């Protein structure tokens, strides 16, 4: 009896069905739906790994000093488990893009900032990208260059707000989501007031995703985030299966 090779399964991984592995900062603040660390955010399964010692303060304010080996080990563990691509929960980790990709040898989408060159190319002439970040004081040209983006990209942070930056960087255990949203809308207003040529927003901070729709509706501009980046990333790691060619409805086959 001939073996039907189309039904043979292949192993080699520890876990299956989760193509994207997410390197998590070590945090205690609330992660509401939309946040990368909330499993209900994703329309596909993901793998998580918390990187020991990678607190928001250390990663954002201190450029992840001394953490490279911890991130490399965690990324390798995710790949060993079954991840086909790696991302992270902080846009400031653009600094580790090259090291992570070289170490795990799978695609790596370390930072939402990596979207900037593509978004700039889809905008009309005379328009450019602006960035909202959790800490404008900490986001340097080095972070942009590591992401392949223009280091002169306009940025505004939420440091002057009442809630968002305080909760995310100082590890508060409660979050007033309405106040956090107000901080982000205010930062968006400041960004377009200073730079009227802004044609789209890229959110550096992965924790801003729950507020992206409100920001887009408020500014009447497209908003790109780690969610838009990782859903695109996943789309390449696991392309949609449309079935065998020619297997669609008859009216389509006959056209």
C-alpha atoms as a PDB file:
ATOM      1  CA  UNK A   1       0.000   0.000   0.000  1.00  0.00           C
ATOM      2  CA  UNK A   2       1.484   3.378  -1.029  1.00  0.00           C
ATOM      3  CA  UNK A   3       2.171   5.973   1.656  1.00  0.00           C
ATOM      4  CA  UNK A   4       0.226   9.206   1.244  1.00  0.00           C
ATOM      5  CA  UNK A   5       3.016  11.726   1.769  1.00  0.00           C
ATOM      6  CA  UNK A   6       0.534  14.623   2.029  1.00  0.00           C
ATOM      7  CA  UNK A   7      -0.559  13.275   5.454  1.00  0.00           C
ATOM      8  CA  UNK A   8       2.937  12.919   6.978  1.00  0.00           C
ATOM      9  CA  UNK A   9       3.579  15.336   9.863  1.00  0.00           C
ATOM     10  CA  UNK A  10       7.060  16.577  10.665  1.00  0.00           C
ATOM     11  CA  UNK A  11       8.481  17.398  14.091  1.00  0.00           C
ATOM     12  CA  UNK A  12      11.458  19.284  15.468  1.00  0.00           C
ATOM     13  CA  UNK A  13       9.705  21.869  17.645  1.00  0.00           C
ATOM     14  CA  UNK A  14       8.531  21.819  21.225  1.00  0.00           C
ATOM     15  CA  UNK A  15       5.247  23.622  20.527  1.00  0.00           C
ATOM     16  CA  UNK A  16       3.191  24.124  17.362  1.00  0.00           C
ATOM     17  CA  UNK A  17       0.765  26.679  15.969  1.00  0.00           C
ATOM     18  CA  UNK A  18       2.426  29.782  17.426  1.00  0.00           C
ATOM     19  CA  UNK A  19       4.651  31.372  14.812  1.00  0.00           C
ATOM     20  CA  UNK A  20       5.453  34.606  16.660  1.00  0.00           C
ATOM     21  CA  UNK A  21       7.545  34.640  19.834  1.00  0.00           C
ATOM     22  CA  UNK A  22       7.286  37.759  22.019  1.00  0.00           C
ATOM     23  CA  UNK A  23      10.099  38.903  24.305  1.00  0.00           C
ATOM     24  CA  UNK A  24       8.384  40.499  27.291  1.00  0.00           C
ATOM     25  CA  UNK A  25       9.772  43.117  29.631  1.00  0.00           C
ATOM     26  CA  UNK A  26       9.568  42.242  33.319  1.00  0.00           C
ATOM     27  CA  UNK A  27       6.568  44.324  34.373  1.00  0.00           C
ATOM     28  CA  UNK A  28       3.711  44.506  36.873  1.00  0.00           C
ATOM     29  CA  UNK A  29       1.522  47.252  35.366  1.00  0.00           C
ATOM     30  CA  UNK A  30      -1.909  46.295  33.961  1.00  0.00           C
ATOM     31  CA  UNK A  31      -1.894  44.950  30.417  1.00  0.00           C
ATOM     32  CA  UNK A  32      -5.346  45.667  29.018  1.00  0.00           C
ATOM     33  CA  UNK A  33      -6.743  44.266  25.731  1.00  0.00           C
ATOM     34  CA  UNK A  34      -4.697  45.732  22.904  1.00  0.00           C
ATOM     35  CA  UNK A  35      -1.494  45.529  24.913  1.00  0.00           C
ATOM     36  CA  UNK A  36       1.044  43.019  23.535  1.00  0.00           C
ATOM     37  CA  UNK A  37       1.141  41.195  26.852  1.00  0.00           C
ATOM     38  CA  UNK A  38      -2.605  40.517  26.849  1.00  0.00           C
ATOM     39  CA  UNK A  39      -3.220  37.251  25.045  1.00  0.00           C
ATOM     40  CA  UNK A  40      -6.650  38.370  23.828  1.00  0.00           C
ATOM     41  CA  UNK A  41      -4.994  41.091  21.716  1.00  0.00           C
ATOM     42  CA  UNK A  42      -3.826  38.715  19.014  1.00  0.00           C
ATOM     43  CA  UNK A  43      -5.970  37.067  16.312  1.00  0.00           C
ATOM     44  CA  UNK A  44      -3.426  34.211  16.272  1.00  0.00           C
ATOM     45  CA  UNK A  45      -1.587  32.259  19.009  1.00  0.00           C
ATOM     46  CA  UNK A  46       1.756  33.611  20.227  1.00  0.00           C
ATOM     47  CA  UNK A  47       4.554  32.454  22.518  1.00  0.00           C
ATOM     48  CA  UNK A  48       5.705  34.619  25.432  1.00  0.00           C
ATOM     49  CA  UNK A  49       8.992  34.805  27.328  1.00  0.00           C
ATOM     50  CA  UNK A  50       9.671  37.313  30.122  1.00  0.00           C
ATOM     51  CA  UNK A  51      13.280  38.538  30.087  1.00  0.00           C
ATOM     52  CA  UNK A  52      14.575  38.602  33.687  1.00  0.00           C
ATOM     53  CA  UNK A  53      15.768  42.021  34.803  1.00  0.00           C
ATOM     54  CA  UNK A  54      14.385  43.824  31.748  1.00  0.00           C
ATOM     55  CA  UNK A  55      12.337  46.421  33.624  1.00  0.00           C
ATOM     56  CA  UNK A  56      10.849  49.368  31.708  1.00  0.00           C
ATOM     57  CA  UNK A  57      13.113  51.775  33.576  1.00  0.00           C
ATOM     58  CA  UNK A  58      16.227  49.829  32.663  1.00  0.00           C
ATOM     59  CA  UNK A  59      15.261  49.320  29.024  1.00  0.00           C
ATOM     60  CA  UNK A  60      13.922  52.817  28.315  1.00  0.00           C
ATOM     61  CA  UNK A  61      15.922  55.142  30.554  1.00  0.00           C
ATOM     62  CA  UNK A  62      19.169  53.161  30.602  1.00  0.00           C
ATOM     63  CA  UNK A  63      19.317  51.717  27.066  1.00  0.00           C
ATOM     64  CA  UNK A  64      19.030  48.104  28.273  1.00  0.00           C
ATOM     65  CA  UNK A  65      22.541  48.202  29.678  1.00  0.00           C
ATOM     66  CA  UNK A  66      23.804  44.770  30.641  1.00  0.00           C
ATOM     67  CA  UNK A  67      20.774  42.930  29.242  1.00  0.00           C
ATOM     68  CA  UNK A  68      21.933  41.778  25.806  1.00  0.00           C
ATOM     69  CA  UNK A  69      22.734  38.206  26.857  1.00  0.00           C
ATOM     70  CA  UNK A  70      19.412  37.863  28.686  1.00  0.00           C
ATOM     71  CA  UNK A  71      17.557  38.934  25.540  1.00  0.00           C
ATOM     72  CA  UNK A  72      19.589  36.626  23.305  1.00  0.00           C
ATOM     73  CA  UNK A  73      19.003  33.640  25.586  1.00  0.00           C
ATOM     74  CA  UNK A  74      15.270  34.351  25.823  1.00  0.00           C
ATOM     75  CA  UNK A  75      14.944  34.714  22.048  1.00  0.00           C
ATOM     76  CA  UNK A  76      16.789  31.444  21.491  1.00  0.00           C
ATOM     77  CA  UNK A  77      14.444  29.724  23.940  1.00  0.00           C
ATOM     78  CA  UNK A  78      11.393  30.971  22.024  1.00  0.00           C
ATOM     79  CA  UNK A  79      12.814  29.691  18.747  1.00  0.00           C
ATOM     80  CA  UNK A  80      13.639  26.334  20.338  1.00  0.00           C
ATOM     81  CA  UNK A  81      10.054  26.088  21.552  1.00  0.00           C
ATOM     82  CA  UNK A  82       8.692  26.703  18.070  1.00  0.00           C
ATOM     83  CA  UNK A  83       8.677  30.414  17.165  1.00  0.00           C
ATOM     84  CA  UNK A  84       9.459  31.199  13.531  1.00  0.00           C
ATOM     85  CA  UNK A  85       9.912  34.923  14.202  1.00  0.00           C
ATOM     86  CA  UNK A  86      10.664  37.129  17.202  1.00  0.00           C
ATOM     87  CA  UNK A  87       9.317  40.486  18.337  1.00  0.00           C
ATOM     88  CA  UNK A  88       9.525  42.488  21.570  1.00  0.00           C
ATOM     89  CA  UNK A  89       7.304  44.557  23.843  1.00  0.00           C
ATOM     90  CA  UNK A  90       9.359  47.763  23.693  1.00  0.00           C
ATOM     91  CA  UNK A  91      10.173  50.016  20.764  1.00  0.00           C
ATOM     92  CA  UNK A  92      13.455  51.015  22.435  1.00  0.00           C
ATOM     93  CA  UNK A  93      14.755  47.511  21.723  1.00  0.00           C
ATOM     94  CA  UNK A  94      15.522  48.546  18.150  1.00  0.00           C
ATOM     95  CA  UNK A  95      19.052  48.741  19.594  1.00  0.00           C
ATOM     96  CA  UNK A  96      19.131  44.913  19.697  1.00  0.00           C
ATOM     97  CA  UNK A  97      17.676  44.246  16.238  1.00  0.00           C
ATOM     98  CA  UNK A  98      20.906  43.115  14.565  1.00  0.00           C
ATOM     99  CA  UNK A  99      22.160  41.102  17.533  1.00  0.00           C
ATOM    100  CA  UNK A 100      18.865  39.264  17.957  1.00  0.00           C
ATOM    101  CA  UNK A 101      18.526  38.409  14.261  1.00  0.00           C
ATOM    102  CA  UNK A 102      22.129  37.201  14.059  1.00  0.00           C
ATOM    103  CA  UNK A 103      21.749  35.073  17.173  1.00  0.00           C
ATOM    104  CA  UNK A 104      18.460  33.288  16.454  1.00  0.00           C
ATOM    105  CA  UNK A 105      18.675  33.278  12.643  1.00  0.00           C
ATOM    106  CA  UNK A 106      14.955  33.775  12.152  1.00  0.00           C
ATOM    107  CA  UNK A 107      13.148  37.014  11.222  1.00  0.00           C
ATOM    108  CA  UNK A 108      13.133  39.588  14.027  1.00  0.00           C
ATOM    109  CA  UNK A 109      10.810  42.599  14.321  1.00  0.00           C
ATOM    110  CA  UNK A 110      12.313  44.221  17.392  1.00  0.00           C
ATOM    111  CA  UNK A 111      10.636  47.630  17.267  1.00  0.00           C
ATOM    112  CA  UNK A 112       7.569  49.395  15.932  1.00  0.00           C
ATOM    113  CA  UNK A 113       9.971  52.128  14.758  1.00  0.00           C
ATOM    114  CA  UNK A 114      11.026  49.828  11.919  1.00  0.00           C
ATOM    115  CA  UNK A 115       7.762  50.720  10.146  1.00  0.00           C
ATOM    116  CA  UNK A 116       8.767  54.363   9.687  1.00  0.00           C
ATOM    117  CA  UNK A 117      10.559  54.025   6.299  1.00  0.00           C
ATOM    118  CA  UNK A 118       7.660  52.081   4.786  1.00  0.00           C
ATOM    119  CA  UNK A 119       4.985  54.424   6.131  1.00  0.00           C
ATOM    120  CA  UNK A 120       6.914  57.443   4.818  1.00  0.00           C
ATOM    121  CA  UNK A 121       6.888  55.911   1.335  1.00  0.00           C
ATOM    122  CA  UNK A 122       3.122  55.501   1.245  1.00  0.00           C
ATOM    123  CA  UNK A 123       2.409  59.110   2.224  1.00  0.00           C
ATOM    124  CA  UNK A 124       1.684  61.901  -0.263  1.00  0.00           C
ATOM    125  CA  UNK A 125       4.546  64.223  -1.203  1.00  0.00           C
ATOM    126  CA  UNK A 126       5.273  66.766   1.499  1.00  0.00           C
ATOM    127  CA  UNK A 127       4.000  64.538   4.321  1.00  0.00           C
ATOM    128  CA  UNK A 128       6.074  62.650   6.861  1.00  0.00           C
ATOM    129  CA  UNK A 129       5.793  60.365   9.870  1.00  0.00           C
ATOM    130  CA  UNK A 130       5.635  61.552  13.450  1.00  0.00           C
ATOM    131  CA  UNK A 131       6.294  59.350  16.479  1.00  0.00           C
ATOM    132  CA  UNK A 132       4.632  59.189  19.871  1.00  0.00           C
ATOM    133  CA  UNK A 133       6.778  57.669  22.610  1.00  0.00           C
ATOM    134  CA  UNK A 134       6.602  56.918  26.294  1.00  0.00           C
ATOM    135  CA  UNK A 135       9.782  58.963  26.834  1.00  0.00           C
ATOM    136  CA  UNK A 136      10.979  61.552  24.337  1.00  0.00           C
ATOM    137  CA  UNK A 137      13.966  62.299  26.577  1.00  0.00           C
ATOM    138  CA  UNK A 138      15.178  58.706  26.197  1.00  0.00           C
ATOM    139  CA  UNK A 139      14.459  58.137  22.500  1.00  0.00           C
ATOM    140  CA  UNK A 140      17.713  58.968  20.709  1.00  0.00           C
ATOM    141  CA  UNK A 141      18.910  59.127  17.097  1.00  0.00           C
ATOM    142  CA  UNK A 142      20.655  55.818  17.844  1.00  0.00           C
ATOM    143  CA  UNK A 143      17.285  54.112  18.300  1.00  0.00           C
ATOM    144  CA  UNK A 144      16.039  55.439  14.947  1.00  0.00           C
ATOM    145  CA  UNK A 145      19.195  54.524  13.062  1.00  0.00           C
ATOM    146  CA  UNK A 146      19.076  50.979  14.466  1.00  0.00           C
ATOM    147  CA  UNK A 147      15.490  50.732  13.167  1.00  0.00           C
ATOM    148  CA  UNK A 148      16.510  51.960   9.709  1.00  0.00           C
ATOM    149  CA  UNK A 149      14.573  55.193  10.218  1.00  0.00           C
ATOM    150  CA  UNK A 150      15.399  58.872   9.819  1.00  0.00           C
ATOM    151  CA  UNK A 151      16.916  60.109  13.114  1.00  0.00           C
ATOM    152  CA  UNK A 152      15.289  63.486  12.482  1.00  0.00           C
ATOM    153  CA  UNK A 153      11.786  62.020  12.638  1.00  0.00           C
ATOM    154  CA  UNK A 154       9.608  64.313  14.814  1.00  0.00           C
ATOM    155  CA  UNK A 155       8.771  62.871  18.231  1.00  0.00           C
ATOM    156  CA  UNK A 156       6.601  63.819  21.197  1.00  0.00           C
ATOM    157  CA  UNK A 157       6.461  61.921  24.478  1.00  0.00           C
ATOM    158  CA  UNK A 158       3.765  61.439  27.082  1.00  0.00           C
ATOM    159  CA  UNK A 159       6.023  62.458  29.990  1.00  0.00           C
ATOM    160  CA  UNK A 160       4.016  65.637  30.594  1.00  0.00           C
ATOM    161  CA  UNK A 161       0.792  63.671  31.041  1.00  0.00           C
ATOM    162  CA  UNK A 162      -0.810  62.539  34.259  1.00  0.00           C
ATOM    163  CA  UNK A 163      -0.981  58.791  33.811  1.00  0.00           C
ATOM    164  CA  UNK A 164       0.536  56.900  30.886  1.00  0.00           C
ATOM    165  CA  UNK A 165       4.292  57.370  31.325  1.00  0.00           C
ATOM    166  CA  UNK A 166       4.032  57.278  35.103  1.00  0.00           C
ATOM    167  CA  UNK A 167       2.301  53.901  35.078  1.00  0.00           C
ATOM    168  CA  UNK A 168       4.442  52.302  32.378  1.00  0.00           C
ATOM    169  CA  UNK A 169       7.895  53.407  33.514  1.00  0.00           C
ATOM    170  CA  UNK A 170       7.378  53.527  37.266  1.00  0.00           C
ATOM    171  CA  UNK A 171       5.606  50.148  37.467  1.00  0.00           C
ATOM    172  CA  UNK A 172       2.286  51.179  38.969  1.00  0.00           C
ATOM    173  CA  UNK A 173      -0.235  48.404  39.608  1.00  0.00           C
ATOM    174  CA  UNK A 174      -3.319  50.398  38.601  1.00  0.00           C
ATOM    175  CA  UNK A 175      -4.106  52.201  35.353  1.00  0.00           C
ATOM    176  CA  UNK A 176      -6.725  54.856  34.660  1.00  0.00           C
ATOM    177  CA  UNK A 177      -7.216  54.004  30.991  1.00  0.00           C
ATOM    178  CA  UNK A 178      -9.262  57.151  30.329  1.00  0.00           C
ATOM    179  CA  UNK A 179      -6.494  59.365  31.732  1.00  0.00           C
ATOM    180  CA  UNK A 180      -3.872  57.418  29.780  1.00  0.00           C
ATOM    181  CA  UNK A 181      -5.851  57.923  26.585  1.00  0.00           C
ATOM    182  CA  UNK A 182      -6.053  61.653  27.302  1.00  0.00           C
ATOM    183  CA  UNK A 183      -2.256  61.773  27.664  1.00  0.00           C
ATOM    184  CA  UNK A 184      -1.838  60.150  24.260  1.00  0.00           C
ATOM    185  CA  UNK A 185      -4.381  62.417  22.564  1.00  0.00           C
ATOM    186  CA  UNK A 186      -2.660  65.463  24.072  1.00  0.00           C
ATOM    187  CA  UNK A 187       0.717  64.233  22.830  1.00  0.00           C
ATOM    188  CA  UNK A 188      -0.770  63.710  19.372  1.00  0.00           C
ATOM    189  CA  UNK A 189      -2.152  67.252  19.381  1.00  0.00           C
ATOM    190  CA  UNK A 190       1.271  68.594  20.360  1.00  0.00           C
ATOM    191  CA  UNK A 191       2.969  66.601  17.604  1.00  0.00           C
ATOM    192  CA  UNK A 192       0.778  67.873  14.765  1.00  0.00           C
ATOM    193  CA  UNK A 193       0.770  71.423  16.169  1.00  0.00           C
ATOM    194  CA  UNK A 194       4.576  71.518  16.035  1.00  0.00           C
ATOM    195  CA  UNK A 195       4.786  69.702  12.699  1.00  0.00           C
ATOM    196  CA  UNK A 196       1.777  70.423  10.423  1.00  0.00           C
ATOM    197  CA  UNK A 197       3.301  68.201   7.726  1.00  0.00           C
ATOM    198  CA  UNK A 198       2.673  65.030   9.735  1.00  0.00           C
ATOM    199  CA  UNK A 199       0.747  62.571   7.552  1.00  0.00           C
ATOM    200  CA  UNK A 200       0.789  59.492   9.792  1.00  0.00           C
ATOM    201  CA  UNK A 201       1.688  58.483  13.328  1.00  0.00           C
ATOM    202  CA  UNK A 202       3.876  55.586  14.414  1.00  0.00           C
ATOM    203  CA  UNK A 203       3.550  54.565  18.051  1.00  0.00           C
ATOM    204  CA  UNK A 204       6.924  53.645  19.523  1.00  0.00           C
ATOM    205  CA  UNK A 205       5.419  52.318  22.725  1.00  0.00           C
ATOM    206  CA  UNK A 206       3.715  48.950  22.457  1.00  0.00           C
ATOM    207  CA  UNK A 207       1.448  49.818  25.395  1.00  0.00           C
ATOM    208  CA  UNK A 208      -0.179  52.580  23.319  1.00  0.00           C
ATOM    209  CA  UNK A 209      -1.988  50.133  21.039  1.00  0.00           C
ATOM    210  CA  UNK A 210      -5.281  50.196  23.025  1.00  0.00           C
ATOM    211  CA  UNK A 211      -5.532  53.929  22.283  1.00  0.00           C
ATOM    212  CA  UNK A 212      -4.563  53.835  18.591  1.00  0.00           C
ATOM    213  CA  UNK A 213      -8.138  53.990  17.278  1.00  0.00           C
ATOM    214  CA  UNK A 214      -9.037  56.930  19.512  1.00  0.00           C
ATOM    215  CA  UNK A 215      -5.884  58.746  18.378  1.00  0.00           C
ATOM    216  CA  UNK A 216      -6.606  58.108  14.701  1.00  0.00           C
ATOM    217  CA  UNK A 217     -10.199  59.314  15.061  1.00  0.00           C
ATOM    218  CA  UNK A 218      -9.024  62.387  16.988  1.00  0.00           C
ATOM    219  CA  UNK A 219      -6.291  63.463  14.571  1.00  0.00           C
ATOM    220  CA  UNK A 220      -7.926  62.089  11.397  1.00  0.00           C
ATOM    221  CA  UNK A 221      -4.622  60.433  10.531  1.00  0.00           C
ATOM    222  CA  UNK A 222      -3.530  56.811  10.079  1.00  0.00           C
ATOM    223  CA  UNK A 223      -1.820  55.343  13.134  1.00  0.00           C
ATOM    224  CA  UNK A 224       0.667  52.467  12.942  1.00  0.00           C
ATOM    225  CA  UNK A 225       1.726  50.460  15.968  1.00  0.00           C
ATOM    226  CA  UNK A 226       3.376  47.244  17.064  1.00  0.00           C
ATOM    227  CA  UNK A 227      -0.005  45.608  16.400  1.00  0.00           C
ATOM    228  CA  UNK A 228       0.014  46.614  12.731  1.00  0.00           C
ATOM    229  CA  UNK A 229       3.674  45.558  12.492  1.00  0.00           C
ATOM    230  CA  UNK A 230       3.300  42.142  14.095  1.00  0.00           C
ATOM    231  CA  UNK A 231       0.100  41.229  12.246  1.00  0.00           C
ATOM    232  CA  UNK A 232       1.973  41.997   9.000  1.00  0.00           C
ATOM    233  CA  UNK A 233       4.968  40.025  10.320  1.00  0.00           C
ATOM    234  CA  UNK A 234       2.774  37.023  11.128  1.00  0.00           C
ATOM    235  CA  UNK A 235       1.189  37.243   7.679  1.00  0.00           C
ATOM    236  CA  UNK A 236       4.541  36.386   6.127  1.00  0.00           C
ATOM    237  CA  UNK A 237       5.475  33.703   8.646  1.00  0.00           C
ATOM    238  CA  UNK A 238       2.147  31.933   8.059  1.00  0.00           C
ATOM    239  CA  UNK A 239       0.586  33.066   4.765  1.00  0.00           C
ATOM    240  CA  UNK A 240      -3.128  32.501   4.464  1.00  0.00           C
ATOM    241  CA  UNK A 241      -3.997  29.170   2.897  1.00  0.00           C
ATOM    242  CA  UNK A 242      -6.564  29.696   0.134  1.00  0.00           C
ATOM    243  CA  UNK A 243      -6.691  25.995  -0.710  1.00  0.00           C
ATOM    244  CA  UNK A 244      -5.365  24.228  -3.818  1.00  0.00           C
ATOM    245  CA  UNK A 245      -5.287  26.402  -6.953  1.00  0.00           C
ATOM    246  CA  UNK A 246      -8.499  26.066  -8.885  1.00  0.00           C
ATOM    247  CA  UNK A 247     -10.465  24.775  -5.917  1.00  0.00           C
ATOM    248  CA  UNK A 248     -12.695  27.839  -5.567  1.00  0.00           C
ATOM    249  CA  UNK A 249     -16.328  28.209  -6.672  1.00  0.00           C
ATOM    250  CA  UNK A 250     -17.041  27.207 -10.275  1.00  0.00           C
ATOM    251  CA  UNK A 251     -17.808  30.747 -11.401  1.00  0.00           C
ATOM    252  CA  UNK A 252     -14.315  31.810 -10.326  1.00  0.00           C
ATOM    253  CA  UNK A 253     -12.619  28.825 -12.001  1.00  0.00           C
ATOM    254  CA  UNK A 254     -14.291  29.646 -15.315  1.00  0.00           C
ATOM    255  CA  UNK A 255     -13.177  33.282 -15.462  1.00  0.00           C
END
